[in-house]
Amino acid sequence: MAKQGLTHFDPAGRGRMVDVTAKKSTQRVAVARGTVRVSPETFRRIQDRRIEKGDVLGVAQVAGILAAKKTADLIPMCHPLSLTGVEMGFTLHEEDCRIDIEARVKTVGPTGVEMEALCAVMGAGLTIYDMCKAVDRGITVSEVRLVYKHGGKSGEYRAPGFRESVGF
């Protein structure tokens, strides 16, 4: 067994998936957020549902949920988890043509869902880019970060300034 600390390495220094067999299952929640910035014209078209590929935020919501479910397929050392809930929220800020994305992911298990929440935000953000790239190549997806987690041995984490979203 590797010493406590960097548990993703075996005694020889090779990467490994952490063994969570002996860990207690607890309820776990993670919230991640990110921001997508678009041009004023793209923002209006998203708002008015005039992007040719369809309802951008509706598709991004489904993409975020799917990304959370597929996290273990994307991140090599992540455990495949049985998620009990994934919620996606979008807040549009017309003044600076910004879309804030929030993902809340839940499970009951021996390991947390932080990576699933982060992947959900990225999946939604990249879907917004993909659906709008024909009209706006300057879209940015940024500020993706964990803002809250609860459960497990390490307990609760709240990013500075974290407040519960009104979107859920």
N, C-alpha and C. Protein backbone atom coordinates (compact mmCIF):
# COMPACT_ATOMS: atom_id res chain seq x y z
N MET A 1 0.85 -1.18 0.00
CA MET A 1 0.00 0.00 0.00
C MET A 1 0.89 1.24 0.00
N ALA A 2 0.59 2.19 -0.86
CA ALA A 2 1.36 3.44 -0.92
C ALA A 2 1.08 4.28 0.31
N LYS A 3 2.04 5.09 0.68
CA LYS A 3 1.85 5.96 1.83
C LYS A 3 0.76 6.98 1.55
N GLN A 4 0.18 7.53 2.60
CA GLN A 4 -0.87 8.54 2.44
C GLN A 4 -0.30 9.76 1.73
N GLY A 5 -1.13 10.47 1.04
CA GLY A 5 -0.68 11.63 0.28
C GLY A 5 -1.00 11.43 -1.18
N LEU A 6 0.03 11.27 -1.99
CA LEU A 6 -0.17 11.09 -3.43
C LEU A 6 -0.51 9.63 -3.71
N THR A 7 -1.75 9.28 -3.56
CA THR A 7 -2.17 7.88 -3.63
C THR A 7 -2.37 7.38 -5.06
N HIS A 8 -2.18 8.23 -6.07
CA HIS A 8 -2.32 7.78 -7.44
C HIS A 8 -1.02 7.19 -7.99
N PHE A 9 -0.06 6.95 -7.10
CA PHE A 9 1.20 6.34 -7.50
C PHE A 9 1.45 5.09 -6.66
N ASP A 10 1.95 4.02 -7.29
CA ASP A 10 2.31 2.83 -6.54
C ASP A 10 3.70 3.04 -5.94
N PRO A 11 4.19 2.09 -5.16
CA PRO A 11 5.51 2.28 -4.52
C PRO A 11 6.65 2.51 -5.52
N ALA A 12 6.49 2.05 -6.76
CA ALA A 12 7.53 2.26 -7.78
C ALA A 12 7.35 3.58 -8.52
N GLY A 13 6.34 4.34 -8.16
CA GLY A 13 6.13 5.64 -8.80
C GLY A 13 5.28 5.60 -10.06
N ARG A 14 4.69 4.45 -10.37
CA ARG A 14 3.82 4.34 -11.54
C ARG A 14 2.39 4.73 -11.16
N GLY A 15 1.68 5.31 -12.13
CA GLY A 15 0.30 5.70 -11.89
C GLY A 15 -0.60 4.50 -11.66
N ARG A 16 -1.62 4.68 -10.85
CA ARG A 16 -2.58 3.62 -10.58
C ARG A 16 -3.91 4.22 -10.18
N MET A 17 -4.95 3.43 -10.31
CA MET A 17 -6.25 3.82 -9.79
C MET A 17 -6.25 3.49 -8.30
N VAL A 18 -6.65 4.44 -7.48
CA VAL A 18 -6.67 4.25 -6.04
C VAL A 18 -7.69 3.17 -5.68
N ASP A 19 -7.32 2.30 -4.75
CA ASP A 19 -8.23 1.25 -4.27
C ASP A 19 -9.14 1.86 -3.20
N VAL A 20 -10.43 1.93 -3.50
CA VAL A 20 -11.39 2.51 -2.55
C VAL A 20 -12.26 1.44 -1.90
N THR A 21 -11.85 0.17 -2.03
CA THR A 21 -12.65 -0.94 -1.53
C THR A 21 -13.03 -0.77 -0.06
N ALA A 22 -12.10 -0.34 0.77
CA ALA A 22 -12.35 -0.26 2.21
C ALA A 22 -12.99 1.06 2.64
N LYS A 23 -13.16 1.99 1.72
CA LYS A 23 -13.72 3.28 2.10
C LYS A 23 -15.23 3.18 2.32
N LYS A 24 -15.70 3.92 3.28
CA LYS A 24 -17.13 3.93 3.62
C LYS A 24 -17.91 4.70 2.55
N SER A 25 -19.05 4.15 2.16
CA SER A 25 -19.93 4.86 1.24
C SER A 25 -20.68 5.96 1.99
N THR A 26 -20.62 7.16 1.45
CA THR A 26 -21.35 8.28 2.03
C THR A 26 -22.01 9.05 0.89
N GLN A 27 -22.97 9.90 1.25
CA GLN A 27 -23.56 10.77 0.24
C GLN A 27 -22.54 11.83 -0.13
N ARG A 28 -22.37 12.05 -1.43
CA ARG A 28 -21.37 13.00 -1.92
C ARG A 28 -22.01 13.92 -2.94
N VAL A 29 -21.62 15.18 -2.86
CA VAL A 29 -22.14 16.20 -3.76
C VAL A 29 -20.97 17.07 -4.20
N ALA A 30 -20.97 17.46 -5.46
CA ALA A 30 -19.98 18.41 -5.96
C ALA A 30 -20.68 19.39 -6.89
N VAL A 31 -20.26 20.65 -6.80
CA VAL A 31 -20.78 21.70 -7.68
C VAL A 31 -19.59 22.34 -8.37
N ALA A 32 -19.67 22.43 -9.69
CA ALA A 32 -18.63 23.09 -10.48
C ALA A 32 -19.28 24.18 -11.32
N ARG A 33 -18.49 25.18 -11.65
CA ARG A 33 -18.98 26.28 -12.48
C ARG A 33 -17.96 26.64 -13.54
N GLY A 34 -18.44 27.25 -14.60
CA GLY A 34 -17.59 27.73 -15.67
C GLY A 34 -18.31 28.83 -16.43
N THR A 35 -17.58 29.47 -17.32
CA THR A 35 -18.12 30.61 -18.06
C THR A 35 -17.83 30.46 -19.55
N VAL A 36 -18.83 30.79 -20.35
CA VAL A 36 -18.66 30.84 -21.80
C VAL A 36 -18.92 32.27 -22.24
N ARG A 37 -17.98 32.83 -23.00
CA ARG A 37 -18.14 34.19 -23.52
C ARG A 37 -18.28 34.11 -25.04
N VAL A 38 -19.26 34.87 -25.56
CA VAL A 38 -19.56 34.86 -26.99
C VAL A 38 -19.71 36.30 -27.46
N SER A 39 -19.81 36.48 -28.76
CA SER A 39 -20.03 37.81 -29.32
C SER A 39 -21.47 38.26 -29.04
N PRO A 40 -21.74 39.56 -29.11
CA PRO A 40 -23.11 40.04 -28.89
C PRO A 40 -24.12 39.40 -29.84
N GLU A 41 -23.75 39.23 -31.11
CA GLU A 41 -24.67 38.61 -32.08
C GLU A 41 -24.95 37.16 -31.71
N THR A 42 -23.92 36.42 -31.33
CA THR A 42 -24.10 35.02 -30.93
C THR A 42 -24.96 34.94 -29.68
N PHE A 43 -24.72 35.83 -28.73
CA PHE A 43 -25.51 35.84 -27.50
C PHE A 43 -26.99 36.02 -27.82
N ARG A 44 -27.30 37.01 -28.68
CA ARG A 44 -28.70 37.25 -29.06
C ARG A 44 -29.30 36.03 -29.75
N ARG A 45 -28.53 35.39 -30.60
CA ARG A 45 -29.04 34.22 -31.33
C ARG A 45 -29.28 33.04 -30.38
N ILE A 46 -28.42 32.88 -29.39
CA ILE A 46 -28.65 31.83 -28.39
C ILE A 46 -29.92 32.15 -27.60
N GLN A 47 -30.02 33.39 -27.16
CA GLN A 47 -31.18 33.82 -26.37
C GLN A 47 -32.48 33.64 -27.14
N ASP A 48 -32.47 33.99 -28.40
CA ASP A 48 -33.68 33.93 -29.24
C ASP A 48 -33.86 32.56 -29.90
N ARG A 49 -32.98 31.63 -29.60
CA ARG A 49 -33.02 30.28 -30.19
C ARG A 49 -32.98 30.33 -31.72
N ARG A 50 -32.02 31.13 -32.22
CA ARG A 50 -31.86 31.28 -33.67
C ARG A 50 -30.53 30.71 -34.17
N ILE A 51 -29.94 29.81 -33.42
CA ILE A 51 -28.74 29.12 -33.91
C ILE A 51 -29.23 27.95 -34.76
N GLU A 52 -28.67 27.82 -35.95
CA GLU A 52 -29.16 26.84 -36.92
C GLU A 52 -29.13 25.41 -36.42
N LYS A 53 -28.21 25.07 -35.54
CA LYS A 53 -28.10 23.69 -35.06
C LYS A 53 -29.16 23.35 -34.02
N GLY A 54 -29.92 24.35 -33.53
CA GLY A 54 -30.99 24.05 -32.59
C GLY A 54 -30.87 24.80 -31.27
N ASP A 55 -31.57 24.31 -30.28
CA ASP A 55 -31.63 24.91 -28.94
C ASP A 55 -30.30 24.68 -28.22
N VAL A 56 -29.44 25.68 -28.26
CA VAL A 56 -28.07 25.55 -27.74
C VAL A 56 -28.06 25.12 -26.28
N LEU A 57 -28.80 25.80 -25.44
CA LEU A 57 -28.75 25.48 -24.01
C LEU A 57 -29.42 24.16 -23.69
N GLY A 58 -30.45 23.80 -24.43
CA GLY A 58 -31.09 22.49 -24.24
C GLY A 58 -30.14 21.36 -24.56
N VAL A 59 -29.43 21.49 -25.68
CA VAL A 59 -28.47 20.46 -26.06
C VAL A 59 -27.28 20.46 -25.08
N ALA A 60 -26.83 21.64 -24.66
CA ALA A 60 -25.71 21.74 -23.71
C ALA A 60 -26.07 21.10 -22.37
N GLN A 61 -27.32 21.21 -21.98
CA GLN A 61 -27.76 20.57 -20.73
C GLN A 61 -27.62 19.05 -20.82
N VAL A 62 -28.08 18.48 -21.91
CA VAL A 62 -27.97 17.03 -22.10
C VAL A 62 -26.49 16.63 -22.21
N ALA A 63 -25.69 17.43 -22.92
CA ALA A 63 -24.26 17.13 -23.06
C ALA A 63 -23.56 17.15 -21.71
N GLY A 64 -23.91 18.09 -20.85
CA GLY A 64 -23.31 18.15 -19.52
C GLY A 64 -23.62 16.91 -18.70
N ILE A 65 -24.87 16.47 -18.76
CA ILE A 65 -25.27 15.26 -18.04
C ILE A 65 -24.51 14.05 -18.58
N LEU A 66 -24.45 13.94 -19.89
CA LEU A 66 -23.73 12.82 -20.50
C LEU A 66 -22.24 12.85 -20.14
N ALA A 67 -21.64 14.04 -20.14
CA ALA A 67 -20.22 14.17 -19.79
C ALA A 67 -19.97 13.70 -18.35
N ALA A 68 -20.87 14.06 -17.44
CA ALA A 68 -20.72 13.60 -16.06
C ALA A 68 -20.75 12.07 -16.00
N LYS A 69 -21.67 11.48 -16.76
CA LYS A 69 -21.80 10.02 -16.75
C LYS A 69 -20.60 9.32 -17.39
N LYS A 70 -19.89 9.99 -18.29
CA LYS A 70 -18.79 9.39 -19.03
C LYS A 70 -17.41 9.79 -18.49
N THR A 71 -17.35 10.43 -17.34
CA THR A 71 -16.08 10.94 -16.82
C THR A 71 -15.01 9.87 -16.73
N ALA A 72 -15.35 8.70 -16.24
CA ALA A 72 -14.35 7.63 -16.09
C ALA A 72 -13.78 7.19 -17.44
N ASP A 73 -14.51 7.43 -18.53
CA ASP A 73 -14.01 7.10 -19.86
C ASP A 73 -13.02 8.15 -20.36
N LEU A 74 -13.04 9.33 -19.78
CA LEU A 74 -12.19 10.44 -20.23
C LEU A 74 -10.96 10.67 -19.35
N ILE A 75 -11.10 10.46 -18.06
CA ILE A 75 -10.04 10.74 -17.09
C ILE A 75 -9.51 9.40 -16.60
N PRO A 76 -8.27 9.04 -16.94
CA PRO A 76 -7.79 7.67 -16.74
C PRO A 76 -7.89 7.10 -15.33
N MET A 77 -7.66 7.89 -14.31
CA MET A 77 -7.64 7.32 -12.95
C MET A 77 -8.96 7.48 -12.20
N CYS A 78 -9.99 8.00 -12.85
CA CYS A 78 -11.30 8.16 -12.21
C CYS A 78 -12.02 6.82 -12.13
N HIS A 79 -12.71 6.62 -11.01
CA HIS A 79 -13.52 5.42 -10.84
C HIS A 79 -14.85 5.60 -11.57
N PRO A 80 -15.34 4.56 -12.23
CA PRO A 80 -16.69 4.65 -12.79
C PRO A 80 -17.69 4.68 -11.63
N LEU A 81 -18.54 5.67 -11.61
CA LEU A 81 -19.46 5.85 -10.49
C LEU A 81 -20.90 5.70 -10.93
N SER A 82 -21.71 5.29 -10.01
CA SER A 82 -23.14 5.25 -10.23
C SER A 82 -23.70 6.58 -9.71
N LEU A 83 -23.96 7.49 -10.61
CA LEU A 83 -24.44 8.81 -10.21
C LEU A 83 -25.92 8.73 -9.83
N THR A 84 -26.28 9.46 -8.79
CA THR A 84 -27.69 9.48 -8.37
C THR A 84 -28.40 10.74 -8.81
N GLY A 85 -27.65 11.72 -9.28
CA GLY A 85 -28.27 12.95 -9.78
C GLY A 85 -27.26 13.84 -10.46
N VAL A 86 -27.69 14.46 -11.56
CA VAL A 86 -26.90 15.48 -12.24
C VAL A 86 -27.87 16.59 -12.64
N GLU A 87 -27.57 17.80 -12.20
CA GLU A 87 -28.39 18.96 -12.56
C GLU A 87 -27.49 19.99 -13.24
N MET A 88 -27.99 20.57 -14.29
CA MET A 88 -27.26 21.60 -15.03
C MET A 88 -28.06 22.90 -14.97
N GLY A 89 -27.36 24.00 -14.77
CA GLY A 89 -28.00 25.31 -14.79
C GLY A 89 -27.20 26.29 -15.64
N PHE A 90 -27.92 27.20 -16.28
CA PHE A 90 -27.30 28.22 -17.13
C PHE A 90 -27.86 29.58 -16.75
N THR A 91 -26.97 30.55 -16.58
CA THR A 91 -27.38 31.91 -16.30
C THR A 91 -26.81 32.80 -17.38
N LEU A 92 -27.68 33.53 -18.08
CA LEU A 92 -27.25 34.40 -19.18
C LEU A 92 -27.07 35.82 -18.66
N HIS A 93 -25.93 36.41 -19.02
CA HIS A 93 -25.59 37.79 -18.62
C HIS A 93 -25.43 38.62 -19.89
N GLU A 94 -26.48 39.32 -20.25
CA GLU A 94 -26.49 40.07 -21.50
C GLU A 94 -25.45 41.19 -21.53
N GLU A 95 -25.20 41.82 -20.38
CA GLU A 95 -24.30 42.97 -20.34
C GLU A 95 -22.89 42.66 -20.82
N ASP A 96 -22.42 41.42 -20.61
CA ASP A 96 -21.08 41.08 -21.09
C ASP A 96 -21.08 39.80 -21.94
N CYS A 97 -22.24 39.46 -22.49
CA CYS A 97 -22.36 38.32 -23.42
C CYS A 97 -21.73 37.07 -22.84
N ARG A 98 -22.14 36.75 -21.63
CA ARG A 98 -21.57 35.65 -20.87
C ARG A 98 -22.65 34.66 -20.47
N ILE A 99 -22.31 33.39 -20.52
CA ILE A 99 -23.20 32.33 -20.04
C ILE A 99 -22.46 31.60 -18.93
N ASP A 100 -23.00 31.65 -17.73
CA ASP A 100 -22.42 30.90 -16.62
C ASP A 100 -23.07 29.52 -16.58
N ILE A 101 -22.25 28.51 -16.42
CA ILE A 101 -22.70 27.12 -16.36
C ILE A 101 -22.47 26.61 -14.95
N GLU A 102 -23.44 25.88 -14.43
CA GLU A 102 -23.26 25.23 -13.13
C GLU A 102 -23.72 23.79 -13.23
N ALA A 103 -22.92 22.88 -12.69
CA ALA A 103 -23.28 21.47 -12.62
C ALA A 103 -23.25 21.02 -11.17
N ARG A 104 -24.29 20.32 -10.77
CA ARG A 104 -24.37 19.73 -9.42
C ARG A 104 -24.53 18.23 -9.61
N VAL A 105 -23.58 17.47 -9.06
CA VAL A 105 -23.56 16.02 -9.26
C VAL A 105 -23.60 15.35 -7.89
N LYS A 106 -24.38 14.25 -7.81
CA LYS A 106 -24.55 13.53 -6.54
C LYS A 106 -24.34 12.04 -6.74
N THR A 107 -23.88 11.41 -5.67
CA THR A 107 -23.80 9.94 -5.62
C THR A 107 -23.78 9.52 -4.16
N VAL A 108 -23.94 8.24 -3.94
CA VAL A 108 -23.66 7.62 -2.65
C VAL A 108 -22.61 6.57 -2.97
N GLY A 109 -21.42 6.76 -2.40
CA GLY A 109 -20.35 5.84 -2.72
C GLY A 109 -19.09 6.14 -1.94
N PRO A 110 -18.01 5.41 -2.28
CA PRO A 110 -16.75 5.54 -1.55
C PRO A 110 -15.81 6.63 -2.06
N THR A 111 -16.19 7.31 -3.13
CA THR A 111 -15.32 8.36 -3.67
C THR A 111 -16.18 9.48 -4.23
N GLY A 112 -15.59 10.67 -4.31
CA GLY A 112 -16.34 11.87 -4.64
C GLY A 112 -16.64 12.06 -6.12
N VAL A 113 -17.42 13.11 -6.40
CA VAL A 113 -17.90 13.39 -7.75
C VAL A 113 -17.40 14.73 -8.28
N GLU A 114 -16.27 15.20 -7.77
CA GLU A 114 -15.73 16.47 -8.24
C GLU A 114 -15.40 16.43 -9.73
N MET A 115 -14.75 15.37 -10.18
CA MET A 115 -14.36 15.27 -11.59
C MET A 115 -15.59 15.19 -12.49
N GLU A 116 -16.63 14.54 -12.02
CA GLU A 116 -17.87 14.44 -12.80
C GLU A 116 -18.52 15.81 -12.95
N ALA A 117 -18.50 16.62 -11.90
CA ALA A 117 -19.07 17.97 -11.99
C ALA A 117 -18.25 18.84 -12.93
N LEU A 118 -16.92 18.73 -12.84
CA LEU A 118 -16.05 19.50 -13.74
C LEU A 118 -16.23 19.07 -15.19
N CYS A 119 -16.32 17.77 -15.43
CA CYS A 119 -16.55 17.28 -16.81
C CYS A 119 -17.90 17.74 -17.33
N ALA A 120 -18.91 17.78 -16.48
CA ALA A 120 -20.24 18.24 -16.90
C ALA A 120 -20.17 19.69 -17.38
N VAL A 121 -19.47 20.54 -16.66
CA VAL A 121 -19.34 21.94 -17.07
C VAL A 121 -18.58 22.03 -18.40
N MET A 122 -17.49 21.29 -18.52
CA MET A 122 -16.72 21.32 -19.77
C MET A 122 -17.54 20.78 -20.93
N GLY A 123 -18.25 19.69 -20.72
CA GLY A 123 -19.08 19.13 -21.78
C GLY A 123 -20.13 20.12 -22.27
N ALA A 124 -20.76 20.80 -21.34
CA ALA A 124 -21.77 21.81 -21.71
C ALA A 124 -21.11 22.98 -22.42
N GLY A 125 -19.99 23.46 -21.91
CA GLY A 125 -19.29 24.59 -22.53
C GLY A 125 -18.80 24.28 -23.93
N LEU A 126 -18.24 23.11 -24.10
CA LEU A 126 -17.75 22.72 -25.43
C LEU A 126 -18.91 22.51 -26.41
N THR A 127 -20.04 22.08 -25.91
CA THR A 127 -21.22 21.93 -26.77
C THR A 127 -21.72 23.29 -27.23
N ILE A 128 -21.71 24.27 -26.35
CA ILE A 128 -22.08 25.63 -26.75
C ILE A 128 -21.15 26.10 -27.86
N TYR A 129 -19.84 25.88 -27.66
CA TYR A 129 -18.88 26.24 -28.71
C TYR A 129 -19.21 25.54 -30.02
N ASP A 130 -19.39 24.23 -29.96
CA ASP A 130 -19.64 23.45 -31.17
C ASP A 130 -20.88 23.92 -31.91
N MET A 131 -21.92 24.23 -31.17
CA MET A 131 -23.18 24.62 -31.82
C MET A 131 -23.13 26.03 -32.40
N CYS A 132 -22.21 26.85 -31.92
CA CYS A 132 -22.16 28.25 -32.34
C CYS A 132 -20.92 28.60 -33.16
N LYS A 133 -20.01 27.69 -33.34
CA LYS A 133 -18.73 28.00 -33.99
C LYS A 133 -18.87 28.49 -35.42
N ALA A 134 -19.93 28.13 -36.12
CA ALA A 134 -20.11 28.58 -37.50
C ALA A 134 -20.33 30.09 -37.57
N VAL A 135 -20.83 30.68 -36.49
CA VAL A 135 -21.09 32.12 -36.49
C VAL A 135 -20.12 32.90 -35.60
N ASP A 136 -19.32 32.16 -34.77
CA ASP A 136 -18.46 32.86 -33.82
C ASP A 136 -17.28 31.97 -33.44
N ARG A 137 -16.13 32.18 -34.04
CA ARG A 137 -14.94 31.39 -33.72
C ARG A 137 -14.21 31.91 -32.48
N GLY A 138 -14.61 33.06 -31.97
CA GLY A 138 -13.93 33.65 -30.82
C GLY A 138 -14.52 33.28 -29.47
N ILE A 139 -15.35 32.27 -29.42
CA ILE A 139 -15.96 31.83 -28.16
C ILE A 139 -14.88 31.32 -27.22
N THR A 140 -15.01 31.65 -25.94
CA THR A 140 -14.09 31.10 -24.94
C THR A 140 -14.88 30.36 -23.87
N VAL A 141 -14.29 29.27 -23.41
CA VAL A 141 -14.79 28.51 -22.26
C VAL A 141 -13.71 28.66 -21.20
N SER A 142 -14.07 29.22 -20.05
CA SER A 142 -13.03 29.53 -19.07
C SER A 142 -13.57 29.43 -17.64
N GLU A 143 -12.66 29.64 -16.72
CA GLU A 143 -12.97 29.72 -15.30
C GLU A 143 -13.70 28.48 -14.78
N VAL A 144 -13.36 27.32 -15.33
CA VAL A 144 -13.97 26.08 -14.87
C VAL A 144 -13.32 25.71 -13.55
N ARG A 145 -14.16 25.53 -12.54
CA ARG A 145 -13.61 25.30 -11.20
C ARG A 145 -14.63 24.62 -10.30
N LEU A 146 -14.11 23.91 -9.31
CA LEU A 146 -14.94 23.33 -8.26
C LEU A 146 -15.28 24.44 -7.29
N VAL A 147 -16.56 24.57 -6.94
CA VAL A 147 -16.95 25.61 -5.98
C VAL A 147 -17.52 25.04 -4.69
N TYR A 148 -17.87 23.75 -4.71
CA TYR A 148 -18.43 23.14 -3.50
C TYR A 148 -18.30 21.62 -3.59
N LYS A 149 -18.00 21.00 -2.46
CA LYS A 149 -18.06 19.54 -2.35
C LYS A 149 -18.42 19.19 -0.93
N HIS A 150 -19.12 18.08 -0.81
CA HIS A 150 -19.52 17.60 0.51
C HIS A 150 -19.49 16.08 0.50
N GLY A 151 -19.03 15.51 1.61
CA GLY A 151 -19.03 14.07 1.77
C GLY A 151 -17.64 13.51 1.81
N GLY A 152 -17.54 12.34 2.39
CA GLY A 152 -16.25 11.68 2.48
C GLY A 152 -15.42 12.15 3.64
N LYS A 153 -14.24 11.59 3.76
CA LYS A 153 -13.35 11.86 4.88
C LYS A 153 -12.91 13.33 4.93
N SER A 154 -12.72 13.95 3.77
CA SER A 154 -12.24 15.34 3.77
C SER A 154 -13.35 16.35 4.05
N GLY A 155 -14.59 15.90 4.12
CA GLY A 155 -15.68 16.78 4.53
C GLY A 155 -16.11 17.76 3.47
N GLU A 156 -16.34 18.98 3.90
CA GLU A 156 -16.91 20.01 3.03
C GLU A 156 -15.84 20.99 2.54
N TYR A 157 -16.01 21.40 1.28
CA TYR A 157 -15.18 22.46 0.71
C TYR A 157 -16.11 23.49 0.11
N ARG A 158 -15.87 24.75 0.40
CA ARG A 158 -16.59 25.86 -0.20
C ARG A 158 -15.57 26.84 -0.75
N ALA A 159 -15.64 27.10 -2.04
CA ALA A 159 -14.74 28.09 -2.63
C ALA A 159 -15.07 29.46 -2.04
N PRO A 160 -14.08 30.33 -1.95
CA PRO A 160 -14.36 31.68 -1.44
C PRO A 160 -15.50 32.32 -2.23
N GLY A 161 -16.48 32.84 -1.50
CA GLY A 161 -17.61 33.51 -2.13
C GLY A 161 -18.70 32.58 -2.63
N PHE A 162 -18.57 31.26 -2.41
CA PHE A 162 -19.58 30.33 -2.90
C PHE A 162 -20.92 30.60 -2.24
N ARG A 163 -21.93 30.71 -3.07
CA ARG A 163 -23.33 30.80 -2.60
C ARG A 163 -24.12 29.80 -3.40
N GLU A 164 -25.11 29.22 -2.76
CA GLU A 164 -25.99 28.29 -3.47
C GLU A 164 -26.62 29.01 -4.65
N SER A 165 -26.76 28.30 -5.74
CA SER A 165 -27.37 28.87 -6.94
C SER A 165 -28.88 28.90 -6.79
N VAL A 166 -29.48 29.91 -7.37
CA VAL A 166 -30.94 29.97 -7.38
C VAL A 166 -31.50 29.13 -8.53
N GLY A 167 -30.62 28.62 -9.38
CA GLY A 167 -31.07 27.85 -10.54
C GLY A 167 -31.50 26.43 -10.20
N PHE A 168 -31.25 25.97 -8.97
CA PHE A 168 -31.60 24.59 -8.64
C PHE A 168 -32.68 24.54 -7.61
